[in-house]
């Protein structure tokens, strides 16, 4: 019996290795190319008029959520169709308390009280995300909501989408590390099907994104604005590093 269990464990371990890319000695997954080199913005288009708010500090992309550009997001300088993307990210701090965070149910809808009103809570919050194929609707979220990062807000909140689409883009588990700690996304997009692993856990599994463009750039999202020196929405106080892509 012990021998059979050992064999089963070995086979399961081997299957896991085949399911994931094996890193080479330089830490880059086999078959991937570097999208961020840790030194400059090669492969990226810094927004015109940004004035230094997207910057590189100690080998990471650092953002203070205060870009002065008209379009504030950071985009790759080329388009992608089907791909696997690795990106490490972390939220630096959460100076804004979001008073309107809902309790999201597994089907993507919001929990309501006995009067039928959505239940809302206060959460210290920062907000960013990964735009796919140039579309703000197909954004893999980075935030502090209890549902966890990885959801696709634009599709989950679209009441015209079928129920299976809205539930499909809702994270199955909260896999975020603590605020200030690094996280790793593995994002795979094939056709209109999206799979997201966060810190080694599958949070989105072949969700359908109807109408997503066939090709487009990858973007790092700006979020948040200030009024009279205070944040009035969750700011993108984030950093990114180790960004790799493989076209499929």
C-alpha atoms as a PDB file:
ATOM      1  CA  UNK A   1       0.000   0.000   0.000  1.00  0.00           C
ATOM      2  CA  UNK A   2       2.773   2.451   0.923  1.00  0.00           C
ATOM      3  CA  UNK A   3       4.473   1.747  -2.411  1.00  0.00           C
ATOM      4  CA  UNK A   4       1.254   2.481  -4.317  1.00  0.00           C
ATOM      5  CA  UNK A   5       0.795   5.758  -2.440  1.00  0.00           C
ATOM      6  CA  UNK A   6       4.389   6.750  -3.203  1.00  0.00           C
ATOM      7  CA  UNK A   7       3.910   6.026  -6.909  1.00  0.00           C
ATOM      8  CA  UNK A   8       0.693   8.062  -6.940  1.00  0.00           C
ATOM      9  CA  UNK A   9       2.448  10.997  -5.311  1.00  0.00           C
ATOM     10  CA  UNK A  10       5.288  10.861  -7.832  1.00  0.00           C
ATOM     11  CA  UNK A  11       2.847  10.808 -10.748  1.00  0.00           C
ATOM     12  CA  UNK A  12       0.878  13.718  -9.313  1.00  0.00           C
ATOM     13  CA  UNK A  13       4.072  15.722  -8.773  1.00  0.00           C
ATOM     14  CA  UNK A  14       5.171  15.066 -12.345  1.00  0.00           C
ATOM     15  CA  UNK A  15       1.798  16.162 -13.695  1.00  0.00           C
ATOM     16  CA  UNK A  16       2.129  19.402 -11.723  1.00  0.00           C
ATOM     17  CA  UNK A  17       5.516  20.070 -13.255  1.00  0.00           C
ATOM     18  CA  UNK A  18       4.144  19.500 -16.746  1.00  0.00           C
ATOM     19  CA  UNK A  19       1.307  21.928 -16.020  1.00  0.00           C
ATOM     20  CA  UNK A  20       3.675  24.747 -15.156  1.00  0.00           C
ATOM     21  CA  UNK A  21       6.645  26.245 -16.952  1.00  0.00           C
ATOM     22  CA  UNK A  22      10.013  25.243 -15.517  1.00  0.00           C
ATOM     23  CA  UNK A  23      12.318  28.227 -14.834  1.00  0.00           C
ATOM     24  CA  UNK A  24      15.789  28.242 -16.312  1.00  0.00           C
ATOM     25  CA  UNK A  25      18.860  29.100 -14.187  1.00  0.00           C
ATOM     26  CA  UNK A  26      18.280  32.818 -14.789  1.00  0.00           C
ATOM     27  CA  UNK A  27      14.798  32.600 -13.260  1.00  0.00           C
ATOM     28  CA  UNK A  28      13.018  33.206 -16.581  1.00  0.00           C
ATOM     29  CA  UNK A  29      10.404  30.563 -17.447  1.00  0.00           C
ATOM     30  CA  UNK A  30      11.438  28.478 -20.462  1.00  0.00           C
ATOM     31  CA  UNK A  31      10.188  29.875 -23.769  1.00  0.00           C
ATOM     32  CA  UNK A  32       9.339  33.299 -22.313  1.00  0.00           C
ATOM     33  CA  UNK A  33      10.698  36.724 -23.179  1.00  0.00           C
ATOM     34  CA  UNK A  34      11.332  39.577 -20.786  1.00  0.00           C
ATOM     35  CA  UNK A  35       8.792  42.413 -20.942  1.00  0.00           C
ATOM     36  CA  UNK A  36      10.455  44.451 -18.181  1.00  0.00           C
ATOM     37  CA  UNK A  37      14.232  44.380 -17.896  1.00  0.00           C
ATOM     38  CA  UNK A  38      14.489  46.026 -14.474  1.00  0.00           C
ATOM     39  CA  UNK A  39      16.486  48.954 -15.870  1.00  0.00           C
ATOM     40  CA  UNK A  40      14.349  51.066 -18.195  1.00  0.00           C
ATOM     41  CA  UNK A  41      11.026  51.194 -20.021  1.00  0.00           C
ATOM     42  CA  UNK A  42      12.130  49.207 -23.072  1.00  0.00           C
ATOM     43  CA  UNK A  43       8.972  47.438 -24.428  1.00  0.00           C
ATOM     44  CA  UNK A  44       6.705  50.018 -22.783  1.00  0.00           C
ATOM     45  CA  UNK A  45       5.176  53.382 -23.726  1.00  0.00           C
ATOM     46  CA  UNK A  46       5.331  55.843 -20.855  1.00  0.00           C
ATOM     47  CA  UNK A  47       2.254  58.124 -21.088  1.00  0.00           C
ATOM     48  CA  UNK A  48       2.995  61.439 -22.755  1.00  0.00           C
ATOM     49  CA  UNK A  49       2.965  64.141 -20.100  1.00  0.00           C
ATOM     50  CA  UNK A  50       3.364  61.664 -17.223  1.00  0.00           C
ATOM     51  CA  UNK A  51       6.189  63.759 -15.694  1.00  0.00           C
ATOM     52  CA  UNK A  52       7.956  60.926 -13.907  1.00  0.00           C
ATOM     53  CA  UNK A  53       5.167  59.325 -11.899  1.00  0.00           C
ATOM     54  CA  UNK A  54       5.726  55.963 -13.607  1.00  0.00           C
ATOM     55  CA  UNK A  55       9.343  55.290 -12.687  1.00  0.00           C
ATOM     56  CA  UNK A  56      11.858  52.547 -11.978  1.00  0.00           C
ATOM     57  CA  UNK A  57      13.185  52.222  -8.431  1.00  0.00           C
ATOM     58  CA  UNK A  58      15.564  49.454  -7.354  1.00  0.00           C
ATOM     59  CA  UNK A  59      14.714  47.290 -10.358  1.00  0.00           C
ATOM     60  CA  UNK A  60      10.919  47.522 -10.121  1.00  0.00           C
ATOM     61  CA  UNK A  61       8.268  49.606 -11.852  1.00  0.00           C
ATOM     62  CA  UNK A  62       6.965  51.998  -9.217  1.00  0.00           C
ATOM     63  CA  UNK A  63       3.814  54.108  -9.504  1.00  0.00           C
ATOM     64  CA  UNK A  64       2.492  56.829  -7.204  1.00  0.00           C
ATOM     65  CA  UNK A  65      -0.978  57.120  -8.842  1.00  0.00           C
ATOM     66  CA  UNK A  66      -0.376  60.779  -9.740  1.00  0.00           C
ATOM     67  CA  UNK A  67       0.434  60.734 -13.451  1.00  0.00           C
ATOM     68  CA  UNK A  68      -0.150  64.094 -15.107  1.00  0.00           C
ATOM     69  CA  UNK A  69      -0.867  62.552 -18.513  1.00  0.00           C
ATOM     70  CA  UNK A  70      -4.312  62.598 -20.087  1.00  0.00           C
ATOM     71  CA  UNK A  71      -4.156  58.799 -20.506  1.00  0.00           C
ATOM     72  CA  UNK A  72      -2.334  57.590 -17.416  1.00  0.00           C
ATOM     73  CA  UNK A  73      -1.965  53.820 -17.882  1.00  0.00           C
ATOM     74  CA  UNK A  74       1.340  52.188 -18.857  1.00  0.00           C
ATOM     75  CA  UNK A  75       1.075  50.086 -22.050  1.00  0.00           C
ATOM     76  CA  UNK A  76       3.357  47.715 -23.920  1.00  0.00           C
ATOM     77  CA  UNK A  77       4.625  49.069 -27.219  1.00  0.00           C
ATOM     78  CA  UNK A  78       3.274  46.107 -29.188  1.00  0.00           C
ATOM     79  CA  UNK A  79       0.143  44.004 -29.407  1.00  0.00           C
ATOM     80  CA  UNK A  80      -0.467  40.422 -28.330  1.00  0.00           C
ATOM     81  CA  UNK A  81      -3.044  37.817 -29.282  1.00  0.00           C
ATOM     82  CA  UNK A  82      -2.873  34.552 -27.292  1.00  0.00           C
ATOM     83  CA  UNK A  83      -0.264  34.487 -24.547  1.00  0.00           C
ATOM     84  CA  UNK A  84       0.842  33.468 -21.079  1.00  0.00           C
ATOM     85  CA  UNK A  85       1.944  36.354 -18.886  1.00  0.00           C
ATOM     86  CA  UNK A  86       3.858  36.232 -15.620  1.00  0.00           C
ATOM     87  CA  UNK A  87       3.942  39.387 -13.505  1.00  0.00           C
ATOM     88  CA  UNK A  88       4.913  40.021  -9.902  1.00  0.00           C
ATOM     89  CA  UNK A  89       3.080  42.863  -8.171  1.00  0.00           C
ATOM     90  CA  UNK A  90       2.579  44.346  -4.755  1.00  0.00           C
ATOM     91  CA  UNK A  91       0.431  47.013  -3.161  1.00  0.00           C
ATOM     92  CA  UNK A  92       2.707  49.450  -1.304  1.00  0.00           C
ATOM     93  CA  UNK A  93       0.161  51.003   1.042  1.00  0.00           C
ATOM     94  CA  UNK A  94      -3.544  51.699   1.509  1.00  0.00           C
ATOM     95  CA  UNK A  95      -4.057  55.326   2.579  1.00  0.00           C
ATOM     96  CA  UNK A  96      -7.650  55.384   1.285  1.00  0.00           C
ATOM     97  CA  UNK A  97     -10.528  53.653   3.075  1.00  0.00           C
ATOM     98  CA  UNK A  98     -13.103  52.499   0.534  1.00  0.00           C
ATOM     99  CA  UNK A  99     -16.591  52.795   2.090  1.00  0.00           C
ATOM    100  CA  UNK A 100     -18.470  50.953  -0.681  1.00  0.00           C
ATOM    101  CA  UNK A 101     -16.975  47.466  -0.936  1.00  0.00           C
ATOM    102  CA  UNK A 102     -19.646  44.801  -1.518  1.00  0.00           C
ATOM    103  CA  UNK A 103     -19.792  41.201  -0.381  1.00  0.00           C
ATOM    104  CA  UNK A 104     -19.415  39.320  -3.671  1.00  0.00           C
ATOM    105  CA  UNK A 105     -21.106  35.935  -3.939  1.00  0.00           C
ATOM    106  CA  UNK A 106     -19.695  33.012  -5.986  1.00  0.00           C
ATOM    107  CA  UNK A 107     -22.047  33.822  -8.875  1.00  0.00           C
ATOM    108  CA  UNK A 108     -20.629  37.363  -9.075  1.00  0.00           C
ATOM    109  CA  UNK A 109     -23.660  39.112  -7.587  1.00  0.00           C
ATOM    110  CA  UNK A 110     -23.671  41.146  -4.360  1.00  0.00           C
ATOM    111  CA  UNK A 111     -25.116  39.997  -1.047  1.00  0.00           C
ATOM    112  CA  UNK A 112     -28.179  41.930   0.143  1.00  0.00           C
ATOM    113  CA  UNK A 113     -29.794  42.587   3.510  1.00  0.00           C
ATOM    114  CA  UNK A 114     -33.374  41.807   4.501  1.00  0.00           C
ATOM    115  CA  UNK A 115     -34.561  44.997   2.793  1.00  0.00           C
ATOM    116  CA  UNK A 116     -32.963  43.977  -0.490  1.00  0.00           C
ATOM    117  CA  UNK A 117     -30.168  46.539  -0.280  1.00  0.00           C
ATOM    118  CA  UNK A 118     -26.590  45.664  -1.108  1.00  0.00           C
ATOM    119  CA  UNK A 119     -24.430  45.211   1.978  1.00  0.00           C
ATOM    120  CA  UNK A 120     -21.373  47.474   1.880  1.00  0.00           C
ATOM    121  CA  UNK A 121     -18.287  47.607   4.098  1.00  0.00           C
ATOM    122  CA  UNK A 122     -15.262  49.822   4.680  1.00  0.00           C
ATOM    123  CA  UNK A 123     -11.925  48.412   3.487  1.00  0.00           C
ATOM    124  CA  UNK A 124      -8.454  50.047   3.345  1.00  0.00           C
ATOM    125  CA  UNK A 125      -7.971  49.897  -0.400  1.00  0.00           C
ATOM    126  CA  UNK A 126      -5.582  50.477  -3.284  1.00  0.00           C
ATOM    127  CA  UNK A 127      -6.479  49.504  -6.840  1.00  0.00           C
ATOM    128  CA  UNK A 128      -4.723  48.610 -10.083  1.00  0.00           C
ATOM    129  CA  UNK A 129      -4.794  45.789 -12.601  1.00  0.00           C
ATOM    130  CA  UNK A 130      -3.537  44.192 -15.790  1.00  0.00           C
ATOM    131  CA  UNK A 131      -5.316  45.229 -18.993  1.00  0.00           C
ATOM    132  CA  UNK A 132      -5.528  42.513 -21.646  1.00  0.00           C
ATOM    133  CA  UNK A 133      -5.516  43.190 -25.415  1.00  0.00           C
ATOM    134  CA  UNK A 134      -5.900  46.918 -24.990  1.00  0.00           C
ATOM    135  CA  UNK A 135      -9.288  46.661 -23.294  1.00  0.00           C
ATOM    136  CA  UNK A 136     -10.127  48.261 -19.944  1.00  0.00           C
ATOM    137  CA  UNK A 137     -13.098  45.883 -19.671  1.00  0.00           C
ATOM    138  CA  UNK A 138     -10.812  42.839 -19.751  1.00  0.00           C
ATOM    139  CA  UNK A 139      -8.820  43.896 -16.707  1.00  0.00           C
ATOM    140  CA  UNK A 140      -7.443  41.372 -14.230  1.00  0.00           C
ATOM    141  CA  UNK A 141      -7.956  43.275 -10.989  1.00  0.00           C
ATOM    142  CA  UNK A 142      -5.388  44.090  -8.295  1.00  0.00           C
ATOM    143  CA  UNK A 143      -7.039  45.434  -5.141  1.00  0.00           C
ATOM    144  CA  UNK A 144      -7.878  44.823  -1.461  1.00  0.00           C
ATOM    145  CA  UNK A 145     -11.470  43.589  -1.711  1.00  0.00           C
ATOM    146  CA  UNK A 146     -12.296  40.424   0.261  1.00  0.00           C
ATOM    147  CA  UNK A 147     -13.167  38.578  -2.962  1.00  0.00           C
ATOM    148  CA  UNK A 148      -9.463  38.743  -3.853  1.00  0.00           C
ATOM    149  CA  UNK A 149      -7.441  39.916  -6.829  1.00  0.00           C
ATOM    150  CA  UNK A 150      -7.750  38.290 -10.237  1.00  0.00           C
ATOM    151  CA  UNK A 151     -11.400  39.028 -10.962  1.00  0.00           C
ATOM    152  CA  UNK A 152     -12.505  40.744 -14.172  1.00  0.00           C
ATOM    153  CA  UNK A 153     -14.673  43.579 -12.865  1.00  0.00           C
ATOM    154  CA  UNK A 154     -15.793  44.836 -16.271  1.00  0.00           C
ATOM    155  CA  UNK A 155     -17.390  41.512 -17.131  1.00  0.00           C
ATOM    156  CA  UNK A 156     -18.657  40.614 -13.659  1.00  0.00           C
ATOM    157  CA  UNK A 157     -20.541  43.907 -13.363  1.00  0.00           C
ATOM    158  CA  UNK A 158     -22.005  43.771 -16.873  1.00  0.00           C
ATOM    159  CA  UNK A 159     -25.648  42.855 -16.352  1.00  0.00           C
ATOM    160  CA  UNK A 160     -25.986  42.053 -20.048  1.00  0.00           C
ATOM    161  CA  UNK A 161     -23.557  39.156 -19.710  1.00  0.00           C
ATOM    162  CA  UNK A 162     -24.867  35.618 -19.119  1.00  0.00           C
ATOM    163  CA  UNK A 163     -24.761  34.365 -15.543  1.00  0.00           C
ATOM    164  CA  UNK A 164     -22.058  31.809 -16.428  1.00  0.00           C
ATOM    165  CA  UNK A 165     -19.779  34.604 -17.694  1.00  0.00           C
ATOM    166  CA  UNK A 166     -20.240  36.717 -14.562  1.00  0.00           C
ATOM    167  CA  UNK A 167     -19.614  33.779 -12.240  1.00  0.00           C
ATOM    168  CA  UNK A 168     -16.662  32.632 -14.350  1.00  0.00           C
ATOM    169  CA  UNK A 169     -14.752  35.877 -13.851  1.00  0.00           C
ATOM    170  CA  UNK A 170     -15.343  35.842 -10.067  1.00  0.00           C
ATOM    171  CA  UNK A 171     -12.328  34.514  -8.112  1.00  0.00           C
ATOM    172  CA  UNK A 172     -12.865  31.089  -6.597  1.00  0.00           C
ATOM    173  CA  UNK A 173     -10.627  31.877  -3.623  1.00  0.00           C
ATOM    174  CA  UNK A 174      -8.802  34.735  -1.900  1.00  0.00           C
ATOM    175  CA  UNK A 175      -5.159  34.066  -2.797  1.00  0.00           C
ATOM    176  CA  UNK A 176      -3.610  37.495  -2.166  1.00  0.00           C
ATOM    177  CA  UNK A 177      -0.660  37.848   0.156  1.00  0.00           C
ATOM    178  CA  UNK A 178      -0.645  40.543   2.834  1.00  0.00           C
ATOM    179  CA  UNK A 179      -0.488  44.223   1.859  1.00  0.00           C
ATOM    180  CA  UNK A 180       3.131  45.139   1.158  1.00  0.00           C
ATOM    181  CA  UNK A 181       4.075  41.580   0.148  1.00  0.00           C
ATOM    182  CA  UNK A 182       4.805  40.450  -3.398  1.00  0.00           C
ATOM    183  CA  UNK A 183       2.294  38.412  -5.394  1.00  0.00           C
ATOM    184  CA  UNK A 184       2.626  36.508  -8.673  1.00  0.00           C
ATOM    185  CA  UNK A 185       0.032  36.374 -11.452  1.00  0.00           C
ATOM    186  CA  UNK A 186       0.133  33.731 -14.165  1.00  0.00           C
ATOM    187  CA  UNK A 187      -2.379  34.904 -16.772  1.00  0.00           C
ATOM    188  CA  UNK A 188      -3.232  32.787 -19.814  1.00  0.00           C
ATOM    189  CA  UNK A 189      -5.463  34.167 -22.571  1.00  0.00           C
ATOM    190  CA  UNK A 190      -6.435  31.937 -25.506  1.00  0.00           C
ATOM    191  CA  UNK A 191      -9.143  33.213 -27.804  1.00  0.00           C
ATOM    192  CA  UNK A 192     -11.772  34.553 -25.432  1.00  0.00           C
ATOM    193  CA  UNK A 193     -10.849  32.200 -22.579  1.00  0.00           C
ATOM    194  CA  UNK A 194      -8.997  33.491 -19.530  1.00  0.00           C
ATOM    195  CA  UNK A 195      -7.228  31.517 -16.785  1.00  0.00           C
ATOM    196  CA  UNK A 196      -5.580  33.244 -13.824  1.00  0.00           C
ATOM    197  CA  UNK A 197      -3.347  31.726 -11.167  1.00  0.00           C
ATOM    198  CA  UNK A 198      -2.455  33.904  -8.185  1.00  0.00           C
ATOM    199  CA  UNK A 199       0.417  32.793  -5.959  1.00  0.00           C
ATOM    200  CA  UNK A 200       0.104  29.261  -7.323  1.00  0.00           C
ATOM    201  CA  UNK A 201      -3.661  28.992  -6.787  1.00  0.00           C
ATOM    202  CA  UNK A 202      -6.180  28.840  -9.624  1.00  0.00           C
ATOM    203  CA  UNK A 203      -8.610  31.727  -9.089  1.00  0.00           C
ATOM    204  CA  UNK A 204     -10.117  32.026 -12.599  1.00  0.00           C
ATOM    205  CA  UNK A 205     -10.491  28.869 -14.704  1.00  0.00           C
ATOM    206  CA  UNK A 206     -11.102  29.260 -18.454  1.00  0.00           C
ATOM    207  CA  UNK A 207     -13.580  32.093 -18.000  1.00  0.00           C
ATOM    208  CA  UNK A 208     -15.150  33.389 -21.190  1.00  0.00           C
ATOM    209  CA  UNK A 209     -14.702  37.048 -22.144  1.00  0.00           C
ATOM    210  CA  UNK A 210     -17.229  37.581 -24.955  1.00  0.00           C
ATOM    211  CA  UNK A 211     -16.277  40.341 -27.359  1.00  0.00           C
ATOM    212  CA  UNK A 212     -12.697  40.757 -26.189  1.00  0.00           C
ATOM    213  CA  UNK A 213     -10.522  42.169 -29.023  1.00  0.00           C
ATOM    214  CA  UNK A 214      -8.516  39.601 -30.987  1.00  0.00           C
ATOM    215  CA  UNK A 215      -5.278  41.473 -30.304  1.00  0.00           C
ATOM    216  CA  UNK A 216      -4.007  44.446 -28.351  1.00  0.00           C
ATOM    217  CA  UNK A 217      -1.340  45.678 -25.945  1.00  0.00           C
ATOM    218  CA  UNK A 218      -0.940  44.712 -22.286  1.00  0.00           C
ATOM    219  CA  UNK A 219      -1.412  47.524 -19.788  1.00  0.00           C
ATOM    220  CA  UNK A 220      -0.694  48.356 -16.163  1.00  0.00           C
ATOM    221  CA  UNK A 221      -3.617  50.325 -14.796  1.00  0.00           C
ATOM    222  CA  UNK A 222      -3.710  53.772 -13.253  1.00  0.00           C
ATOM    223  CA  UNK A 223      -6.421  54.229 -10.637  1.00  0.00           C
ATOM    224  CA  UNK A 224      -7.317  56.922  -8.131  1.00  0.00           C
ATOM    225  CA  UNK A 225      -7.444  60.686  -7.868  1.00  0.00           C
ATOM    226  CA  UNK A 226      -6.911  63.361  -5.246  1.00  0.00           C
ATOM    227  CA  UNK A 227      -9.010  66.331  -4.189  1.00  0.00           C
ATOM    228  CA  UNK A 228      -7.534  69.000  -1.921  1.00  0.00           C
ATOM    229  CA  UNK A 229      -4.624  66.730  -1.076  1.00  0.00           C
ATOM    230  CA  UNK A 230      -6.706  63.697  -0.085  1.00  0.00           C
ATOM    231  CA  UNK A 231      -7.472  60.525  -2.028  1.00  0.00           C
ATOM    232  CA  UNK A 232     -11.120  60.284  -3.065  1.00  0.00           C
ATOM    233  CA  UNK A 233     -10.865  56.846  -4.679  1.00  0.00           C
ATOM    234  CA  UNK A 234      -8.508  53.862  -4.266  1.00  0.00           C
ATOM    235  CA  UNK A 235      -5.079  54.863  -5.663  1.00  0.00           C
ATOM    236  CA  UNK A 236      -2.807  52.594  -7.694  1.00  0.00           C
ATOM    237  CA  UNK A 237       0.043  52.655  -5.193  1.00  0.00           C
ATOM    238  CA  UNK A 238       1.678  49.602  -6.735  1.00  0.00           C
ATOM    239  CA  UNK A 239       4.925  48.109  -7.945  1.00  0.00           C
ATOM    240  CA  UNK A 240       5.624  45.537 -10.662  1.00  0.00           C
ATOM    241  CA  UNK A 241       8.616  43.323 -11.444  1.00  0.00           C
ATOM    242  CA  UNK A 242       9.614  40.094 -13.262  1.00  0.00           C
ATOM    243  CA  UNK A 243       7.238  40.508 -16.201  1.00  0.00           C
ATOM    244  CA  UNK A 244       7.537  37.729 -18.792  1.00  0.00           C
ATOM    245  CA  UNK A 245       5.378  36.767 -21.748  1.00  0.00           C
ATOM    246  CA  UNK A 246       5.111  33.827 -24.124  1.00  0.00           C
ATOM    247  CA  UNK A 247       2.980  34.090 -27.239  1.00  0.00           C
ATOM    248  CA  UNK A 248       0.947  30.978 -27.997  1.00  0.00           C
END
